[in-house]
Structure formats: C-alpha cells, structure tokens
C-alpha cells in the first residue's frame, strides 16, 4: 500500500472518529477565517473546524493528486491539548490522538 493510500485510510478514520465524538457537524467558517496567520487558525476557528476544513481537506487534495507531502506534521499535541481543555473523555482523547499521531507519522516519515 502506498503512503497516499495509507494516508487516505487514516484521514477516513479521523473523520469517523470526529463523527463519533460529535466533532464533525459544524458550519464551514467564513472565507476570511482561512486567512489567519496563526497556527491552526486558532484565532478564527475552533480546532475541530480547522481539522475538518483545513487539515483534512488539504491532505485529501494531496492524496488525490498523489502530490508530495509536507516535510513535517505535528498536529497530535495540539489535538491533545484541545481535548484536555474541552474536558473530553479519556477514551475519546486517546482514540483521536492515536489517529492524528498516525497521520503525523505518515506525513513526516514519507
């Protein structure tokens, strides 16, 4: 299996995990929210919005085009911090972080 196929599978798993945690259903941010200079668009989006509309969307586009992947990816620590702050159940936190760590690894080790 190619790295793009593995990444596609991991992105589907992240989507499923977010849906199970009720973190998927949300409105798309306004176009100007995407112009944020802050990491994770933290000043214009909630982290689940960024995951869905920026992180997943950009990686899906790279997978579809079989394009080169970024040289680094380190999103799992931000997801973990967000979930702790939001008081997520430990089981949800572990599952979500495990999936994002896999994505980080696939992108970085490519």
PDB file of N, CA and C in Angstrom:
ATOM      1  N   UNK A   1       0.851  -1.180   0.000  1.00  0.00           N
ATOM      2  CA  UNK A   1       0.000   0.000   0.000  1.00  0.00           C
ATOM      3  C   UNK A   1       0.895   1.241   0.000  1.00  0.00           C
ATOM      4  N   UNK A   2       0.578   2.202  -0.846  1.00  0.00           N
ATOM      5  CA  UNK A   2       1.378   3.426  -0.930  1.00  0.00           C
ATOM      6  C   UNK A   2       1.083   4.332   0.268  1.00  0.00           C
ATOM      7  N   UNK A   3       1.980   5.274   0.492  1.00  0.00           N
ATOM      8  CA  UNK A   3       1.777   6.221   1.586  1.00  0.00           C
ATOM      9  C   UNK A   3       0.495   7.032   1.364  1.00  0.00           C
ATOM     10  N   UNK A   4       0.187   7.332   0.105  1.00  0.00           N
ATOM     11  CA  UNK A   4      -1.034   8.088  -0.179  1.00  0.00           C
ATOM     12  C   UNK A   4      -2.276   7.266   0.171  1.00  0.00           C
ATOM     13  N   UNK A   5      -2.240   5.974  -0.110  1.00  0.00           N
ATOM     14  CA  UNK A   5      -3.372   5.105   0.239  1.00  0.00           C
ATOM     15  C   UNK A   5      -3.501   4.966   1.751  1.00  0.00           C
ATOM     16  N   UNK A   6      -2.371   4.819   2.431  1.00  0.00           N
ATOM     17  CA  UNK A   6      -2.401   4.726   3.896  1.00  0.00           C
ATOM     18  C   UNK A   6      -2.913   6.022   4.512  1.00  0.00           C
ATOM     19  N   UNK A   7      -2.467   7.147   3.962  1.00  0.00           N
ATOM     20  CA  UNK A   7      -2.916   8.450   4.466  1.00  0.00           C
ATOM     21  C   UNK A   7      -4.407   8.636   4.226  1.00  0.00           C
ATOM     22  N   UNK A   8      -4.887   8.233   3.066  1.00  0.00           N
ATOM     23  CA  UNK A   8      -6.322   8.324   2.779  1.00  0.00           C
ATOM     24  C   UNK A   8      -7.118   7.508   3.797  1.00  0.00           C
ATOM     25  N   UNK A   9      -6.641   6.326   4.088  1.00  0.00           N
ATOM     26  CA  UNK A   9      -7.302   5.462   5.080  1.00  0.00           C
ATOM     27  C   UNK A   9      -7.290   6.131   6.465  1.00  0.00           C
ATOM     28  N   UNK A  10      -6.175   6.718   6.849  1.00  0.00           N
ATOM     29  CA  UNK A  10      -6.069   7.393   8.148  1.00  0.00           C
ATOM     30  C   UNK A  10      -6.979   8.616   8.212  1.00  0.00           C
ATOM     31  N   UNK A  11      -7.099   9.347   7.106  1.00  0.00           N
ATOM     32  CA  UNK A  11      -7.997  10.510   7.079  1.00  0.00           C
ATOM     33  C   UNK A  11      -9.452  10.080   7.231  1.00  0.00           C
ATOM     34  N   UNK A  12      -9.827   8.964   6.608  1.00  0.00           N
ATOM     35  CA  UNK A  12     -11.194   8.431   6.777  1.00  0.00           C
ATOM     36  C   UNK A  12     -11.435   8.028   8.242  1.00  0.00           C
ATOM     37  N   UNK A  13     -10.398   7.470   8.853  1.00  0.00           N
ATOM     38  CA  UNK A  13     -10.505   7.081  10.261  1.00  0.00           C
ATOM     39  C   UNK A  13     -10.660   8.319  11.159  1.00  0.00           C
ATOM     40  N   UNK A  14      -9.931   9.388  10.845  1.00  0.00           N
ATOM     41  CA  UNK A  14     -10.066  10.625  11.611  1.00  0.00           C
ATOM     42  C   UNK A  14     -11.482  11.187  11.459  1.00  0.00           C
ATOM     43  N   UNK A  15     -11.992  11.168  10.247  1.00  0.00           N
ATOM     44  CA  UNK A  15     -13.364  11.638  10.022  1.00  0.00           C
ATOM     45  C   UNK A  15     -14.357  10.819  10.849  1.00  0.00           C
ATOM     46  N   UNK A  16     -14.228   9.514  10.828  1.00  0.00           N
ATOM     47  CA  UNK A  16     -15.119   8.640  11.606  1.00  0.00           C
ATOM     48  C   UNK A  16     -15.012   8.915  13.095  1.00  0.00           C
ATOM     49  N   UNK A  17     -13.793   9.105  13.559  1.00  0.00           N
ATOM     50  CA  UNK A  17     -13.558   9.375  14.975  1.00  0.00           C
ATOM     51  C   UNK A  17     -14.184  10.712  15.373  1.00  0.00           C
ATOM     52  N   UNK A  18     -14.029  11.707  14.520  1.00  0.00           N
ATOM     53  CA  UNK A  18     -14.629  13.012  14.808  1.00  0.00           C
ATOM     54  C   UNK A  18     -16.148  12.920  14.811  1.00  0.00           C
ATOM     55  N   UNK A  19     -16.706  12.159  13.893  1.00  0.00           N
ATOM     56  CA  UNK A  19     -18.163  11.993  13.858  1.00  0.00           C
ATOM     57  C   UNK A  19     -18.651  11.300  15.126  1.00  0.00           C
ATOM     58  N   UNK A  20     -17.933  10.259  15.555  1.00  0.00           N
ATOM     59  CA  UNK A  20     -18.327   9.521  16.764  1.00  0.00           C
ATOM     60  C   UNK A  20     -18.248  10.410  18.004  1.00  0.00           C
ATOM     61  N   UNK A  21     -17.323  11.370  17.998  1.00  0.00           N
ATOM     62  CA  UNK A  21     -17.155  12.283  19.132  1.00  0.00           C
ATOM     63  C   UNK A  21     -18.014  13.540  18.981  1.00  0.00           C
ATOM     64  N   UNK A  22     -18.889  13.553  17.990  1.00  0.00           N
ATOM     65  CA  UNK A  22     -19.759  14.699  17.703  1.00  0.00           C
ATOM     66  C   UNK A  22     -18.946  15.981  17.458  1.00  0.00           C
ATOM     67  N   UNK A  23     -17.862  15.832  16.711  1.00  0.00           N
ATOM     68  CA  UNK A  23     -16.992  16.963  16.387  1.00  0.00           C
ATOM     69  C   UNK A  23     -16.967  17.247  14.883  1.00  0.00           C
ATOM     70  N   UNK A  24     -17.879  16.658  14.136  1.00  0.00           N
ATOM     71  CA  UNK A  24     -17.859  16.804  12.676  1.00  0.00           C
ATOM     72  C   UNK A  24     -18.895  17.794  12.176  1.00  0.00           C
ATOM     73  N   UNK A  25     -20.075  17.755  12.777  1.00  0.00           N
ATOM     74  CA  UNK A  25     -21.165  18.610  12.304  1.00  0.00           C
ATOM     75  C   UNK A  25     -20.952  20.044  12.752  1.00  0.00           C
ATOM     76  N   UNK A  26     -20.652  20.893  11.793  1.00  0.00           N
ATOM     77  CA  UNK A  26     -20.419  22.302  12.076  1.00  0.00           C
ATOM     78  C   UNK A  26     -20.514  23.072  10.773  1.00  0.00           C
ATOM     79  N   UNK A  27     -20.685  24.361  10.902  1.00  0.00           N
ATOM     80  CA  UNK A  27     -20.737  25.190   9.703  1.00  0.00           C
ATOM     81  C   UNK A  27     -19.319  25.482   9.221  1.00  0.00           C
ATOM     82  N   UNK A  28     -19.228  25.631   7.917  1.00  0.00           N
ATOM     83  CA  UNK A  28     -17.944  25.999   7.318  1.00  0.00           C
ATOM     84  C   UNK A  28     -17.623  27.436   7.750  1.00  0.00           C
ATOM     85  N   UNK A  29     -16.382  27.691   8.159  1.00  0.00           N
ATOM     86  CA  UNK A  29     -16.000  29.057   8.550  1.00  0.00           C
ATOM     87  C   UNK A  29     -16.120  30.023   7.364  1.00  0.00           C
ATOM     88  N   UNK A  30     -16.254  31.288   7.685  1.00  0.00           N
ATOM     89  CA  UNK A  30     -16.280  32.326   6.651  1.00  0.00           C
ATOM     90  C   UNK A  30     -14.943  32.314   5.897  1.00  0.00           C
ATOM     91  N   UNK A  31     -14.942  32.686   4.625  1.00  0.00           N
ATOM     92  CA  UNK A  31     -13.704  32.635   3.833  1.00  0.00           C
ATOM     93  C   UNK A  31     -12.513  33.348   4.474  1.00  0.00           C
ATOM     94  N   UNK A  32     -12.754  34.482   5.119  1.00  0.00           N
ATOM     95  CA  UNK A  32     -11.638  35.214   5.722  1.00  0.00           C
ATOM     96  C   UNK A  32     -11.007  34.474   6.908  1.00  0.00           C
ATOM     97  N   UNK A  33     -11.718  33.538   7.499  1.00  0.00           N
ATOM     98  CA  UNK A  33     -11.172  32.753   8.622  1.00  0.00           C
ATOM     99  C   UNK A  33      -9.977  31.916   8.167  1.00  0.00           C
ATOM    100  N   UNK A  34      -9.954  31.563   6.894  1.00  0.00           N
ATOM    101  CA  UNK A  34      -8.873  30.740   6.358  1.00  0.00           C
ATOM    102  C   UNK A  34      -7.582  31.542   6.156  1.00  0.00           C
ATOM    103  N   UNK A  35      -7.680  32.868   6.221  1.00  0.00           N
ATOM    104  CA  UNK A  35      -6.516  33.732   6.010  1.00  0.00           C
ATOM    105  C   UNK A  35      -5.720  33.978   7.283  1.00  0.00           C
ATOM    106  N   UNK A  36      -6.086  33.360   8.369  1.00  0.00           N
ATOM    107  CA  UNK A  36      -5.414  33.581   9.649  1.00  0.00           C
ATOM    108  C   UNK A  36      -3.927  33.243   9.559  1.00  0.00           C
ATOM    109  N   UNK A  37      -3.079  34.105  10.124  1.00  0.00           N
ATOM    110  CA  UNK A  37      -1.644  33.801  10.156  1.00  0.00           C
ATOM    111  C   UNK A  37      -1.268  32.911  11.357  1.00  0.00           C
ATOM    112  N   UNK A  38      -2.214  32.668  12.232  1.00  0.00           N
ATOM    113  CA  UNK A  38      -1.950  31.902  13.446  1.00  0.00           C
ATOM    114  C   UNK A  38      -1.916  30.393  13.161  1.00  0.00           C
ATOM    115  N   UNK A  39      -1.092  29.655  13.908  1.00  0.00           N
ATOM    116  CA  UNK A  39      -1.108  28.195  13.749  1.00  0.00           C
ATOM    117  C   UNK A  39      -2.511  27.648  14.015  1.00  0.00           C
ATOM    118  N   UNK A  40      -2.923  26.703  13.209  1.00  0.00           N
ATOM    119  CA  UNK A  40      -4.224  26.051  13.336  1.00  0.00           C
ATOM    120  C   UNK A  40      -5.396  27.044  13.220  1.00  0.00           C
ATOM    121  N   UNK A  41      -5.143  28.215  12.672  1.00  0.00           N
ATOM    122  CA  UNK A  41      -6.172  29.275  12.571  1.00  0.00           C
ATOM    123  C   UNK A  41      -6.862  29.469  13.931  1.00  0.00           C
ATOM    124  N   UNK A  42      -6.087  29.382  14.981  1.00  0.00           N
ATOM    125  CA  UNK A  42      -6.621  29.366  16.341  1.00  0.00           C
ATOM    126  C   UNK A  42      -7.418  30.627  16.680  1.00  0.00           C
ATOM    127  N   UNK A  43      -7.139  31.726  15.989  1.00  0.00           N
ATOM    128  CA  UNK A  43      -7.856  32.968  16.274  1.00  0.00           C
ATOM    129  C   UNK A  43      -9.167  33.094  15.493  1.00  0.00           C
ATOM    130  N   UNK A  44      -9.385  32.191  14.527  1.00  0.00           N
ATOM    131  CA  UNK A  44     -10.597  32.321  13.705  1.00  0.00           C
ATOM    132  C   UNK A  44     -11.448  31.058  13.642  1.00  0.00           C
ATOM    133  N   UNK A  45     -10.913  29.944  14.149  1.00  0.00           N
ATOM    134  CA  UNK A  45     -11.648  28.671  14.084  1.00  0.00           C
ATOM    135  C   UNK A  45     -11.425  27.879  15.370  1.00  0.00           C
ATOM    136  N   UNK A  46     -12.401  27.054  15.686  1.00  0.00           N
ATOM    137  CA  UNK A  46     -12.188  26.052  16.730  1.00  0.00           C
ATOM    138  C   UNK A  46     -11.337  24.944  16.111  1.00  0.00           C
ATOM    139  N   UNK A  47     -10.593  24.232  16.921  1.00  0.00           N
ATOM    140  CA  UNK A  47      -9.707  23.199  16.379  1.00  0.00           C
ATOM    141  C   UNK A  47     -10.448  22.155  15.533  1.00  0.00           C
ATOM    142  N   UNK A  48     -11.636  21.700  15.949  1.00  0.00           N
ATOM    143  CA  UNK A  48     -12.344  20.748  15.073  1.00  0.00           C
ATOM    144  C   UNK A  48     -12.662  21.339  13.696  1.00  0.00           C
ATOM    145  N   UNK A  49     -12.971  22.637  13.638  1.00  0.00           N
ATOM    146  CA  UNK A  49     -13.208  23.278  12.335  1.00  0.00           C
ATOM    147  C   UNK A  49     -11.936  23.237  11.501  1.00  0.00           C
ATOM    148  N   UNK A  50     -10.820  23.572  12.120  1.00  0.00           N
ATOM    149  CA  UNK A  50      -9.553  23.565  11.401  1.00  0.00           C
ATOM    150  C   UNK A  50      -9.229  22.164  10.911  1.00  0.00           C
ATOM    151  N   UNK A  51      -9.425  21.157  11.775  1.00  0.00           N
ATOM    152  CA  UNK A  51      -9.161  19.781  11.356  1.00  0.00           C
ATOM    153  C   UNK A  51      -9.984  19.416  10.136  1.00  0.00           C
ATOM    154  N   UNK A  52     -11.261  19.725  10.176  1.00  0.00           N
ATOM    155  CA  UNK A  52     -12.153  19.319   9.084  1.00  0.00           C
ATOM    156  C   UNK A  52     -11.925  20.122   7.806  1.00  0.00           C
ATOM    157  N   UNK A  53     -11.893  21.434   7.939  1.00  0.00           N
ATOM    158  CA  UNK A  53     -11.909  22.282   6.747  1.00  0.00           C
ATOM    159  C   UNK A  53     -10.525  22.689   6.229  1.00  0.00           C
ATOM    160  N   UNK A  54      -9.493  22.495   7.020  1.00  0.00           N
ATOM    161  CA  UNK A  54      -8.146  22.847   6.567  1.00  0.00           C
ATOM    162  C   UNK A  54      -7.266  21.589   6.509  1.00  0.00           C
ATOM    163  N   UNK A  55      -7.024  20.983   7.653  1.00  0.00           N
ATOM    164  CA  UNK A  55      -6.099  19.850   7.741  1.00  0.00           C
ATOM    165  C   UNK A  55      -6.528  18.685   6.854  1.00  0.00           C
ATOM    166  N   UNK A  56      -7.720  18.172   7.081  1.00  0.00           N
ATOM    167  CA  UNK A  56      -8.198  17.030   6.300  1.00  0.00           C
ATOM    168  C   UNK A  56      -8.341  17.416   4.829  1.00  0.00           C
ATOM    169  N   UNK A  57      -8.919  18.576   4.568  1.00  0.00           N
ATOM    170  CA  UNK A  57      -9.142  19.000   3.180  1.00  0.00           C
ATOM    171  C   UNK A  57      -7.829  19.120   2.402  1.00  0.00           C
ATOM    172  N   UNK A  58      -6.824  19.714   3.028  1.00  0.00           N
ATOM    173  CA  UNK A  58      -5.538  19.880   2.327  1.00  0.00           C
ATOM    174  C   UNK A  58      -4.857  18.537   2.089  1.00  0.00           C
ATOM    175  N   UNK A  59      -4.875  17.686   3.105  1.00  0.00           N
ATOM    176  CA  UNK A  59      -4.250  16.374   2.924  1.00  0.00           C
ATOM    177  C   UNK A  59      -5.008  15.524   1.912  1.00  0.00           C
ATOM    178  N   UNK A  60      -6.336  15.628   1.886  1.00  0.00           N
ATOM    179  CA  UNK A  60      -7.121  14.899   0.875  1.00  0.00           C
ATOM    180  C   UNK A  60      -6.732  15.340  -0.531  1.00  0.00           C
ATOM    181  N   UNK A  61      -6.532  16.642  -0.711  1.00  0.00           N
ATOM    182  CA  UNK A  61      -6.139  17.153  -2.030  1.00  0.00           C
ATOM    183  C   UNK A  61      -4.777  16.597  -2.442  1.00  0.00           C
ATOM    184  N   UNK A  62      -3.849  16.514  -1.491  1.00  0.00           N
ATOM    185  CA  UNK A  62      -2.526  15.954  -1.797  1.00  0.00           C
ATOM    186  C   UNK A  62      -2.624  14.469  -2.122  1.00  0.00           C
ATOM    187  N   UNK A  63      -3.464  13.752  -1.382  1.00  0.00           N
ATOM    188  CA  UNK A  63      -3.654  12.321  -1.639  1.00  0.00           C
ATOM    189  C   UNK A  63      -4.243  12.115  -3.026  1.00  0.00           C
ATOM    190  N   UNK A  64      -5.275  12.873  -3.337  1.00  0.00           N
ATOM    191  CA  UNK A  64      -5.948  12.729  -4.636  1.00  0.00           C
ATOM    192  C   UNK A  64      -4.995  13.007  -5.793  1.00  0.00           C
ATOM    193  N   UNK A  65      -4.140  14.012  -5.632  1.00  0.00           N
ATOM    194  CA  UNK A  65      -3.197  14.375  -6.689  1.00  0.00           C
ATOM    195  C   UNK A  65      -1.918  13.535  -6.655  1.00  0.00           C
ATOM    196  N   UNK A  66      -1.798  12.683  -5.627  1.00  0.00           N
ATOM    197  CA  UNK A  66      -0.575  11.902  -5.429  1.00  0.00           C
ATOM    198  C   UNK A  66       0.632  12.848  -5.367  1.00  0.00           C
ATOM    199  N   UNK A  67       0.389  14.008  -4.776  1.00  0.00           N
ATOM    200  CA  UNK A  67       1.404  15.060  -4.688  1.00  0.00           C
ATOM    201  C   UNK A  67       2.361  14.786  -3.524  1.00  0.00           C
ATOM    202  N   UNK A  68       3.514  15.429  -3.543  1.00  0.00           N
ATOM    203  CA  UNK A  68       4.440  15.302  -2.415  1.00  0.00           C
ATOM    204  C   UNK A  68       3.776  15.802  -1.128  1.00  0.00           C
ATOM    205  N   UNK A  69       4.097  15.154  -0.029  1.00  0.00           N
ATOM    206  CA  UNK A  69       3.524  15.524   1.258  1.00  0.00           C
ATOM    207  C   UNK A  69       4.441  16.521   1.960  1.00  0.00           C
ATOM    208  N   UNK A  70       3.899  17.293   2.919  1.00  0.00           N
ATOM    209  CA  UNK A  70       4.745  18.227   3.664  1.00  0.00           C
ATOM    210  C   UNK A  70       5.902  17.486   4.342  1.00  0.00           C
ATOM    211  N   UNK A  71       6.965  18.200   4.619  1.00  0.00           N
ATOM    212  CA  UNK A  71       8.126  17.563   5.240  1.00  0.00           C
ATOM    213  C   UNK A  71       7.922  17.292   6.722  1.00  0.00           C
ATOM    214  N   UNK A  72       7.042  18.053   7.349  1.00  0.00           N
ATOM    215  CA  UNK A  72       6.757  17.828   8.766  1.00  0.00           C
ATOM    216  C   UNK A  72       5.256  17.942   9.033  1.00  0.00           C
ATOM    217  N   UNK A  73       4.845  17.267  10.072  1.00  0.00           N
ATOM    218  CA  UNK A  73       3.453  17.322  10.510  1.00  0.00           C
ATOM    219  C   UNK A  73       3.459  16.958  11.990  1.00  0.00           C
ATOM    220  N   UNK A  74       2.961  17.856  12.818  1.00  0.00           N
ATOM    221  CA  UNK A  74       2.978  17.640  14.262  1.00  0.00           C
ATOM    222  C   UNK A  74       1.693  18.211  14.859  1.00  0.00           C
ATOM    223  N   UNK A  75       0.578  17.639  14.484  1.00  0.00           N
ATOM    224  CA  UNK A  75      -0.735  18.134  14.885  1.00  0.00           C
ATOM    225  C   UNK A  75      -1.248  17.467  16.163  1.00  0.00           C
ATOM    226  N   UNK A  76      -0.815  16.252  16.439  1.00  0.00           N
ATOM    227  CA  UNK A  76      -1.335  15.498  17.588  1.00  0.00           C
ATOM    228  C   UNK A  76      -1.216  16.239  18.920  1.00  0.00           C
ATOM    229  N   UNK A  77      -0.096  16.909  19.219  1.00  0.00           N
ATOM    230  CA  UNK A  77      -0.029  17.622  20.504  1.00  0.00           C
ATOM    231  C   UNK A  77      -1.103  18.715  20.640  1.00  0.00           C
ATOM    232  N   UNK A  78      -1.406  19.405  19.552  1.00  0.00           N
ATOM    233  CA  UNK A  78      -2.447  20.443  19.603  1.00  0.00           C
ATOM    234  C   UNK A  78      -3.818  19.814  19.819  1.00  0.00           C
ATOM    235  N   UNK A  79      -4.066  18.688  19.174  1.00  0.00           N
ATOM    236  CA  UNK A  79      -5.343  17.982  19.353  1.00  0.00           C
ATOM    237  C   UNK A  79      -5.475  17.518  20.793  1.00  0.00           C
ATOM    238  N   UNK A  80      -4.417  16.964  21.346  1.00  0.00           N
ATOM    239  CA  UNK A  80      -4.448  16.504  22.729  1.00  0.00           C
ATOM    240  C   UNK A  80      -4.719  17.664  23.681  1.00  0.00           C
ATOM    241  N   UNK A  81      -4.012  18.771  23.502  1.00  0.00           N
ATOM    242  CA  UNK A  81      -4.210  19.944  24.367  1.00  0.00           C
ATOM    243  C   UNK A  81      -5.643  20.457  24.264  1.00  0.00           C
ATOM    244  N   UNK A  82      -6.178  20.511  23.060  1.00  0.00           N
ATOM    245  CA  UNK A  82      -7.559  20.971  22.860  1.00  0.00           C
ATOM    246  C   UNK A  82      -8.542  20.049  23.580  1.00  0.00           C
ATOM    247  N   UNK A  83      -8.373  18.755  23.414  1.00  0.00           N
ATOM    248  CA  UNK A  83      -9.306  17.802  24.023  1.00  0.00           C
ATOM    249  C   UNK A  83      -9.230  17.839  25.547  1.00  0.00           C
ATOM    250  N   UNK A  84      -8.045  18.021  26.093  1.00  0.00           N
ATOM    251  CA  UNK A  84      -7.905  18.175  27.550  1.00  0.00           C
ATOM    252  C   UNK A  84      -8.651  19.427  28.001  1.00  0.00           C
ATOM    253  N   UNK A  85      -8.417  20.520  27.305  1.00  0.00           N
ATOM    254  CA  UNK A  85      -9.066  21.797  27.639  1.00  0.00           C
ATOM    255  C   UNK A  85     -10.587  21.689  27.582  1.00  0.00           C
ATOM    256  N   UNK A  86     -11.085  20.933  26.613  1.00  0.00           N
ATOM    257  CA  UNK A  86     -12.532  20.789  26.436  1.00  0.00           C
ATOM    258  C   UNK A  86     -13.134  19.729  27.348  1.00  0.00           C
ATOM    259  N   UNK A  87     -12.297  19.043  28.109  1.00  0.00           N
ATOM    260  CA  UNK A  87     -12.800  18.035  29.038  1.00  0.00           C
ATOM    261  C   UNK A  87     -13.302  16.771  28.364  1.00  0.00           C
ATOM    262  N   UNK A  88     -12.698  16.423  27.249  1.00  0.00           N
ATOM    263  CA  UNK A  88     -13.106  15.209  26.525  1.00  0.00           C
ATOM    264  C   UNK A  88     -12.825  13.976  27.379  1.00  0.00           C
ATOM    265  N   UNK A  89     -13.638  12.969  27.177  1.00  0.00           N
ATOM    266  CA  UNK A  89     -13.411  11.702  27.873  1.00  0.00           C
ATOM    267  C   UNK A  89     -12.040  11.151  27.471  1.00  0.00           C
ATOM    268  N   UNK A  90     -11.402  10.475  28.396  1.00  0.00           N
ATOM    269  CA  UNK A  90     -10.067   9.922  28.142  1.00  0.00           C
ATOM    270  C   UNK A  90     -10.077   8.990  26.943  1.00  0.00           C
ATOM    271  N   UNK A  91     -11.105   8.160  26.832  1.00  0.00           N
ATOM    272  CA  UNK A  91     -11.164   7.214  25.710  1.00  0.00           C
ATOM    273  C   UNK A  91     -11.248   7.948  24.375  1.00  0.00           C
ATOM    274  N   UNK A  92     -12.033   9.026  24.312  1.00  0.00           N
ATOM    275  CA  UNK A  92     -12.129   9.835  23.087  1.00  0.00           C
ATOM    276  C   UNK A  92     -10.783  10.469  22.777  1.00  0.00           C
ATOM    277  N   UNK A  93     -10.152  11.006  23.819  1.00  0.00           N
ATOM    278  CA  UNK A  93      -8.870  11.683  23.651  1.00  0.00           C
ATOM    279  C   UNK A  93      -7.812  10.725  23.121  1.00  0.00           C
ATOM    280  N   UNK A  94      -7.727   9.558  23.711  1.00  0.00           N
ATOM    281  CA  UNK A  94      -6.724   8.573  23.297  1.00  0.00           C
ATOM    282  C   UNK A  94      -6.962   8.154  21.846  1.00  0.00           C
ATOM    283  N   UNK A  95      -8.201   7.865  21.512  1.00  0.00           N
ATOM    284  CA  UNK A  95      -8.529   7.422  20.158  1.00  0.00           C
ATOM    285  C   UNK A  95      -8.216   8.507  19.127  1.00  0.00           C
ATOM    286  N   UNK A  96      -8.657   9.730  19.393  1.00  0.00           N
ATOM    287  CA  UNK A  96      -8.429  10.831  18.453  1.00  0.00           C
ATOM    288  C   UNK A  96      -6.929  11.091  18.294  1.00  0.00           C
ATOM    289  N   UNK A  97      -6.216  11.127  19.394  1.00  0.00           N
ATOM    290  CA  UNK A  97      -4.773  11.396  19.319  1.00  0.00           C
ATOM    291  C   UNK A  97      -4.034  10.279  18.593  1.00  0.00           C
ATOM    292  N   UNK A  98      -4.458   9.052  18.798  1.00  0.00           N
ATOM    293  CA  UNK A  98      -3.827   7.912  18.117  1.00  0.00           C
ATOM    294  C   UNK A  98      -3.964   8.060  16.601  1.00  0.00           C
ATOM    295  N   UNK A  99      -5.138   8.444  16.147  1.00  0.00           N
ATOM    296  CA  UNK A  99      -5.376   8.611  14.707  1.00  0.00           C
ATOM    297  C   UNK A  99      -4.534   9.765  14.158  1.00  0.00           C
ATOM    298  N   UNK A 100      -4.520  10.891  14.863  1.00  0.00           N
ATOM    299  CA  UNK A 100      -3.757  12.049  14.384  1.00  0.00           C
ATOM    300  C   UNK A 100      -2.252  11.764  14.442  1.00  0.00           C
ATOM    301  N   UNK A 101      -1.803  11.042  15.452  1.00  0.00           N
ATOM    302  CA  UNK A 101      -0.386  10.656  15.504  1.00  0.00           C
ATOM    303  C   UNK A 101      -0.017   9.797  14.302  1.00  0.00           C
ATOM    304  N   UNK A 102      -0.915   8.924  13.893  1.00  0.00           N
ATOM    305  CA  UNK A 102      -0.658   8.095  12.712  1.00  0.00           C
ATOM    306  C   UNK A 102      -0.509   8.973  11.462  1.00  0.00           C
ATOM    307  N   UNK A 103      -1.386   9.955  11.344  1.00  0.00           N
ATOM    308  CA  UNK A 103      -1.312  10.882  10.204  1.00  0.00           C
ATOM    309  C   UNK A 103       0.007  11.648  10.257  1.00  0.00           C
ATOM    310  N   UNK A 104       0.344  12.174  11.446  1.00  0.00           N
ATOM    311  CA  UNK A 104       1.623  12.886  11.598  1.00  0.00           C
ATOM    312  C   UNK A 104       2.783  12.011  11.138  1.00  0.00           C
ATOM    313  N   UNK A 105       2.787  10.763  11.561  1.00  0.00           N
ATOM    314  CA  UNK A 105       3.865   9.826  11.230  1.00  0.00           C
ATOM    315  C   UNK A 105       3.913   9.546   9.717  1.00  0.00           C
ATOM    316  N   UNK A 106       2.754   9.299   9.134  1.00  0.00           N
ATOM    317  CA  UNK A 106       2.716   9.008   7.684  1.00  0.00           C
ATOM    318  C   UNK A 106       3.259  10.171   6.879  1.00  0.00           C
ATOM    319  N   UNK A 107       2.885  11.378   7.249  1.00  0.00           N
ATOM    320  CA  UNK A 107       3.342  12.550   6.510  1.00  0.00           C
ATOM    321  C   UNK A 107       4.837  12.783   6.750  1.00  0.00           C
ATOM    322  N   UNK A 108       5.252  12.734   7.988  1.00  0.00           N
ATOM    323  CA  UNK A 108       6.647  13.056   8.337  1.00  0.00           C
ATOM    324  C   UNK A 108       7.634  12.003   7.857  1.00  0.00           C
ATOM    325  N   UNK A 109       7.257  10.742   7.916  1.00  0.00           N
ATOM    326  CA  UNK A 109       8.177   9.671   7.543  1.00  0.00           C
ATOM    327  C   UNK A 109       8.177   9.377   6.056  1.00  0.00           C
ATOM    328  N   UNK A 110       7.388  10.107   5.315  1.00  0.00           N
ATOM    329  CA  UNK A 110       7.283   9.876   3.881  1.00  0.00           C
ATOM    330  C   UNK A 110       8.582  10.182   3.178  1.00  0.00           C
TER     331      UNK A 110
END
